Amino acid sequence: MATKGRPKGSKNKVNTGFPITTKDISKMTKIAVDQARDKELDKLKNLVSRQDDMIEQLTDEIKRLEKVCQEFENEVDNLEGDLDSFRTILITVLEMGK
């Protein structure tokens, strides 16, 4: 007849892996801490890369707006020159009409 488990009176312990020793707990804790740290590092890397992307987009937008402002400044300068020309013409016409 086959017996299950240990024979009666056996002093040998069955190695089931339980209970977990403190050494095992410290290994699992270290693994969990490392995984949590890696997860947080990944989150921070993603955040930094998103911020870098936003900075690039804002830099491009600033450059575009600078070009638009430069075009408006050129247009204003042209209009000021035209205004001075019209003033000169009006002054000449008014002097001729006297």
Protein backbone atom coordinates (compact mmCIF):
# COMPACT_ATOMS: atom_id res chain seq x y z
CA MET A 1 0.00 0.00 0.00
CA ALA A 2 1.37 3.41 -1.01
CA THR A 3 1.51 6.14 1.56
CA LYS A 4 0.99 9.77 0.86
CA GLY A 5 3.34 12.40 2.20
CA ARG A 6 5.98 11.64 4.80
CA PRO A 7 6.17 8.36 6.56
CA LYS A 8 5.06 8.37 10.16
CA GLY A 9 7.80 9.49 12.51
CA SER A 10 9.93 11.07 9.78
CA LYS A 11 12.06 13.96 10.94
CA ASN A 12 12.66 15.31 7.41
CA LYS A 13 10.76 18.47 6.61
CA VAL A 14 8.80 18.76 3.40
CA ASN A 15 10.12 21.65 1.34
CA THR A 16 7.00 23.34 -0.01
CA GLY A 17 8.54 26.78 -0.24
CA PHE A 18 6.23 27.99 2.50
CA PRO A 19 6.42 29.74 4.85
CA ILE A 20 8.33 32.42 3.08
CA THR A 21 11.53 33.38 4.82
CA THR A 22 12.58 36.93 5.53
CA LYS A 23 15.28 36.52 2.89
CA ASP A 24 12.58 35.69 0.33
CA ILE A 25 10.50 38.65 1.51
CA SER A 26 13.45 41.00 1.16
CA LYS A 27 14.10 39.71 -2.39
CA MET A 28 10.44 40.18 -3.35
CA THR A 29 10.37 43.60 -1.71
CA LYS A 30 13.51 44.63 -3.59
CA ILE A 31 11.98 43.41 -6.86
CA ALA A 32 8.73 45.28 -6.14
CA VAL A 33 10.63 48.45 -5.23
CA ASP A 34 12.76 48.17 -8.37
CA GLN A 35 9.67 47.69 -10.52
CA ALA A 36 7.92 50.65 -8.89
CA ARG A 37 11.03 52.80 -9.35
CA ASP A 38 11.31 51.74 -13.00
CA LYS A 39 7.63 52.54 -13.52
CA GLU A 40 8.06 56.00 -11.97
CA LEU A 41 11.19 56.60 -14.05
CA ASP A 42 9.26 55.69 -17.20
CA LYS A 43 6.50 58.11 -16.21
CA LEU A 44 9.04 60.88 -15.65
CA LYS A 45 10.78 60.14 -18.95
CA ASN A 46 7.44 60.33 -20.76
CA LEU A 47 6.62 63.59 -19.01
CA VAL A 48 9.99 65.09 -19.95
CA SER A 49 9.65 63.98 -23.57
CA ARG A 50 6.14 65.50 -23.75
CA GLN A 51 7.51 68.74 -22.29
CA ASP A 52 10.34 68.71 -24.85
CA ASP A 53 7.78 68.26 -27.63
CA MET A 54 5.72 71.15 -26.28
CA ILE A 55 8.83 73.35 -26.07
CA GLU A 56 9.66 72.57 -29.70
CA GLN A 57 6.10 73.35 -30.79
CA LEU A 58 6.10 76.63 -28.86
CA THR A 59 9.50 77.56 -30.29
CA ASP A 60 8.20 76.94 -33.81
CA GLU A 61 5.11 79.03 -33.04
CA ILE A 62 7.27 81.88 -31.69
CA LYS A 63 9.41 81.83 -34.84
CA ARG A 64 6.28 81.93 -37.01
CA LEU A 65 4.87 84.84 -35.02
CA GLU A 66 8.18 86.69 -35.24
CA LYS A 67 8.01 86.43 -39.04
CA VAL A 68 4.42 87.72 -39.02
CA CYS A 69 5.44 90.62 -36.75
CA GLN A 70 8.35 91.44 -39.05
CA GLU A 71 5.99 91.51 -42.05
CA PHE A 72 3.62 93.83 -40.17
CA GLU A 73 6.52 96.10 -39.19
CA ASN A 74 7.57 96.30 -42.84
CA GLU A 75 4.00 97.06 -43.86
CA VAL A 76 3.72 99.80 -41.21
CA ASP A 77 7.01 101.32 -42.41
CA ASN A 78 5.68 101.35 -45.98
CA LEU A 79 2.42 102.97 -44.86
CA GLU A 80 4.32 105.61 -42.87
CA GLY A 81 6.35 106.40 -45.99
CA ASP A 82 3.15 106.65 -48.03
CA LEU A 83 1.62 108.90 -45.38
CA ASP A 84 4.62 111.23 -45.51
CA SER A 85 4.31 111.33 -49.30
CA PHE A 86 0.60 112.17 -49.11
CA ARG A 87 1.31 114.96 -46.59
CA THR A 88 3.91 116.43 -48.90
CA ILE A 89 1.47 116.21 -51.81
CA LEU A 90 -1.33 117.83 -49.77
CA ILE A 91 0.94 120.63 -48.62
CA THR A 92 2.01 121.26 -52.21
CA VAL A 93 -1.60 121.24 -53.46
CA LEU A 94 -2.71 123.61 -50.69
CA GLU A 95 0.16 126.02 -51.46
CA MET A 96 -0.72 125.95 -55.15
CA GLY A 97 -4.34 126.76 -54.36
CA LYS A 98 -3.48 129.95 -52.51
